[in-house]
Each structure stands twice: as structure tokens, then as C-alpha cells.
Amino acid sequence: MANLLEQLRAMTVVVADTGDMEAMEKFRPQDSTTNPSLITAASQLPQYQPIVDGVLQDARKELGDSADEKDVAKLAFSSLAVAFGKKILKIVPGRVSTEVDARLSYNT
């Protein structure tokens, strides 16, 4: 008999609603959606520290060595969802939807 996940896959598209890429690799959803609170939670897990560190380094580089730490953190946080989304795209075969602060959606 098929387990519950297999039964769901037979009737619908499985979509992950998380920032935890290990869970996505385990359950192999078709699509993924995430939001700032899920990214914040995932970014605190040790296995995702390299993503956070890379985003912080990029923000420091962009703003310069004399930049205020709050400005670095603000820029880094706005880029963190994108960094997670790019990693998630390597896992799920379908679409990745990342919710962001509405003000960012107008920032080209």
C-alpha cells in the first residue's frame, strides 16, 4: 500500500512550504514556496550558515568596509531570500515562489 505522500502525489502536485532544503531533498516536492519567516528560521540552522555568510560577505563588499553593520544586515536580509531561492531551484524541478516584503517587489 502506498504511503500518504505517494497517495497525495497521485492526486495533486506536492508543494513544499519551507526554507529547509534538506526536507525538500528528502520529500522531493514538485514546487516550493517560502517566506521571510521561514527563511529566517532556516538561516539559523547550522547547515545553512554558508549561505548566510556568503550573503553577508556580498553585502559588506557592496557597501564597503566602513559601512554600518545595520546597513549591511538590512542589505543582506533583502538578498537572503534570493540566495535561498536559487539553492531551492537546484532541488525542485518546478517553480519556486519566494514571498518578500512588498516594498522590495518594486525594487528592480
C-alpha atoms as a PDB file:
ATOM      1  CA  MET A   1       0.000   0.000   0.000  1.00  0.00           C
ATOM      2  CA  ALA A   2       1.247   3.491  -0.857  1.00  0.00           C
ATOM      3  CA  ASN A   3       2.126   5.840   1.948  1.00  0.00           C
ATOM      4  CA  LEU A   4       0.247   9.099   2.416  1.00  0.00           C
ATOM      5  CA  LEU A   5       2.775  11.165   0.424  1.00  0.00           C
ATOM      6  CA  GLU A   6       2.544   8.783  -2.531  1.00  0.00           C
ATOM      7  CA  GLN A   7      -1.245   8.930  -2.355  1.00  0.00           C
ATOM      8  CA  LEU A   8      -1.124  12.737  -2.421  1.00  0.00           C
ATOM      9  CA  ARG A   9       1.268  12.708  -5.394  1.00  0.00           C
ATOM     10  CA  ALA A  10      -1.240  10.570  -7.297  1.00  0.00           C
ATOM     11  CA  MET A  11      -3.960  13.208  -6.898  1.00  0.00           C
ATOM     12  CA  THR A  12      -2.182  16.564  -6.722  1.00  0.00           C
ATOM     13  CA  VAL A  13       1.094  18.450  -7.016  1.00  0.00           C
ATOM     14  CA  VAL A  14       3.188  18.389  -3.858  1.00  0.00           C
ATOM     15  CA  VAL A  15       4.495  21.828  -2.911  1.00  0.00           C
ATOM     16  CA  ALA A  16       6.968  22.450  -0.091  1.00  0.00           C
ATOM     17  CA  ASP A  17       6.280  25.451   2.124  1.00  0.00           C
ATOM     18  CA  THR A  18       9.599  25.722   3.932  1.00  0.00           C
ATOM     19  CA  GLY A  19      13.128  27.074   3.787  1.00  0.00           C
ATOM     20  CA  ASP A  20      14.565  23.721   4.862  1.00  0.00           C
ATOM     21  CA  MET A  21      16.299  22.350   1.799  1.00  0.00           C
ATOM     22  CA  GLU A  22      17.117  19.044   3.492  1.00  0.00           C
ATOM     23  CA  ALA A  23      13.392  18.396   3.854  1.00  0.00           C
ATOM     24  CA  MET A  24      12.910  19.239   0.178  1.00  0.00           C
ATOM     25  CA  GLU A  25      15.659  16.827  -0.820  1.00  0.00           C
ATOM     26  CA  LYS A  26      14.041  14.114   1.305  1.00  0.00           C
ATOM     27  CA  PHE A  27      10.441  14.545   0.129  1.00  0.00           C
ATOM     28  CA  ARG A  28      11.110  15.826  -3.425  1.00  0.00           C
ATOM     29  CA  PRO A  29       8.206  18.242  -3.945  1.00  0.00           C
ATOM     30  CA  GLN A  30       7.335  19.457  -7.435  1.00  0.00           C
ATOM     31  CA  ASP A  31       7.299  23.147  -6.456  1.00  0.00           C
ATOM     32  CA  SER A  32       8.253  25.256  -3.464  1.00  0.00           C
ATOM     33  CA  THR A  33       7.125  28.385  -1.720  1.00  0.00           C
ATOM     34  CA  THR A  34       8.772  30.197   1.140  1.00  0.00           C
ATOM     35  CA  ASN A  35       8.543  33.484   3.007  1.00  0.00           C
ATOM     36  CA  PRO A  36      10.719  35.709   5.208  1.00  0.00           C
ATOM     37  CA  SER A  37       9.807  33.957   8.457  1.00  0.00           C
ATOM     38  CA  LEU A  38      10.632  30.529   7.014  1.00  0.00           C
ATOM     39  CA  ILE A  39      13.915  31.832   5.573  1.00  0.00           C
ATOM     40  CA  THR A  40      14.767  33.385   8.946  1.00  0.00           C
ATOM     41  CA  ALA A  41      14.146  30.073  10.690  1.00  0.00           C
ATOM     42  CA  ALA A  42      16.162  28.088   8.141  1.00  0.00           C
ATOM     43  CA  SER A  43      19.029  30.582   8.166  1.00  0.00           C
ATOM     44  CA  GLN A  44      19.548  29.870  11.863  1.00  0.00           C
ATOM     45  CA  LEU A  45      20.245  26.184  11.179  1.00  0.00           C
ATOM     46  CA  PRO A  46      23.967  25.363  11.063  1.00  0.00           C
ATOM     47  CA  GLN A  47      23.802  23.616   7.693  1.00  0.00           C
ATOM     48  CA  TYR A  48      22.718  26.867   6.016  1.00  0.00           C
ATOM     49  CA  GLN A  49      25.356  29.071   7.627  1.00  0.00           C
ATOM     50  CA  PRO A  50      27.459  29.156   4.425  1.00  0.00           C
ATOM     51  CA  ILE A  51      24.534  30.766   2.576  1.00  0.00           C
ATOM     52  CA  VAL A  52      24.131  33.402   5.295  1.00  0.00           C
ATOM     53  CA  ASP A  53      27.869  34.054   5.457  1.00  0.00           C
ATOM     54  CA  GLY A  54      28.074  34.458   1.681  1.00  0.00           C
ATOM     55  CA  VAL A  55      25.195  36.929   1.621  1.00  0.00           C
ATOM     56  CA  LEU A  56      26.762  38.937   4.455  1.00  0.00           C
ATOM     57  CA  GLN A  57      30.125  38.999   2.669  1.00  0.00           C
ATOM     58  CA  ASP A  58      28.478  40.202  -0.533  1.00  0.00           C
ATOM     59  CA  ALA A  59      26.626  42.951   1.349  1.00  0.00           C
ATOM     60  CA  ARG A  60      29.824  44.106   3.079  1.00  0.00           C
ATOM     61  CA  LYS A  61      31.654  44.116  -0.242  1.00  0.00           C
ATOM     62  CA  GLU A  62      28.890  46.122  -1.927  1.00  0.00           C
ATOM     63  CA  LEU A  63      28.620  48.711   0.864  1.00  0.00           C
ATOM     64  CA  GLY A  64      32.316  48.934   1.673  1.00  0.00           C
ATOM     65  CA  ASP A  65      34.390  48.290   4.774  1.00  0.00           C
ATOM     66  CA  SER A  66      33.217  51.434   6.556  1.00  0.00           C
ATOM     67  CA  ALA A  67      29.515  50.565   6.226  1.00  0.00           C
ATOM     68  CA  ASP A  68      27.349  50.495   9.327  1.00  0.00           C
ATOM     69  CA  GLU A  69      26.517  46.955  10.494  1.00  0.00           C
ATOM     70  CA  LYS A  70      22.786  47.720  10.432  1.00  0.00           C
ATOM     71  CA  ASP A  71      23.025  48.739   6.769  1.00  0.00           C
ATOM     72  CA  VAL A  72      24.978  45.567   5.979  1.00  0.00           C
ATOM     73  CA  ALA A  73      22.372  43.444   7.771  1.00  0.00           C
ATOM     74  CA  LYS A  74      19.495  45.203   6.007  1.00  0.00           C
ATOM     75  CA  LEU A  75      21.031  44.667   2.565  1.00  0.00           C
ATOM     76  CA  ALA A  76      21.950  41.088   3.412  1.00  0.00           C
ATOM     77  CA  PHE A  77      18.446  40.237   4.591  1.00  0.00           C
ATOM     78  CA  SER A  78      16.923  41.575   1.385  1.00  0.00           C
ATOM     79  CA  SER A  79      19.273  39.293  -0.584  1.00  0.00           C
ATOM     80  CA  LEU A  80      18.923  36.245   1.651  1.00  0.00           C
ATOM     81  CA  ALA A  81      15.594  35.138   0.210  1.00  0.00           C
ATOM     82  CA  VAL A  82      17.065  35.278  -3.284  1.00  0.00           C
ATOM     83  CA  ALA A  83      20.072  33.210  -2.201  1.00  0.00           C
ATOM     84  CA  PHE A  84      17.815  30.567  -0.642  1.00  0.00           C
ATOM     85  CA  GLY A  85      15.543  30.610  -3.697  1.00  0.00           C
ATOM     86  CA  LYS A  86      18.481  29.945  -6.011  1.00  0.00           C
ATOM     87  CA  LYS A  87      19.533  26.964  -3.917  1.00  0.00           C
ATOM     88  CA  ILE A  88      15.958  25.663  -3.792  1.00  0.00           C
ATOM     89  CA  LEU A  89      15.783  25.869  -7.605  1.00  0.00           C
ATOM     90  CA  LYS A  90      18.535  23.261  -7.723  1.00  0.00           C
ATOM     91  CA  ILE A  91      16.327  20.854  -5.761  1.00  0.00           C
ATOM     92  CA  VAL A  92      12.771  21.217  -7.042  1.00  0.00           C
ATOM     93  CA  PRO A  93      12.018  20.649 -10.709  1.00  0.00           C
ATOM     94  CA  GLY A  94       9.148  23.131 -10.819  1.00  0.00           C
ATOM     95  CA  ARG A  95       8.571  26.662  -9.626  1.00  0.00           C
ATOM     96  CA  VAL A  96       9.928  28.441  -6.583  1.00  0.00           C
ATOM     97  CA  SER A  97       7.830  31.224  -5.119  1.00  0.00           C
ATOM     98  CA  THR A  98       9.505  33.427  -2.546  1.00  0.00           C
ATOM     99  CA  GLU A  99       7.441  35.973  -0.690  1.00  0.00           C
ATOM    100  CA  VAL A 100       9.279  39.180   0.128  1.00  0.00           C
ATOM    101  CA  ASP A 101       8.438  42.480   1.752  1.00  0.00           C
ATOM    102  CA  ALA A 102       6.087  44.247  -0.676  1.00  0.00           C
ATOM    103  CA  ARG A 103       8.424  47.232  -0.816  1.00  0.00           C
ATOM    104  CA  LEU A 104      11.125  45.002  -2.305  1.00  0.00           C
ATOM    105  CA  SER A 105       8.865  43.797  -5.107  1.00  0.00           C
ATOM    106  CA  TYR A 106       9.143  47.245  -6.708  1.00  0.00           C
ATOM    107  CA  ASN A 107      12.920  47.436  -6.403  1.00  0.00           C
ATOM    108  CA  THR A 108      14.341  46.450  -9.806  1.00  0.00           C
END
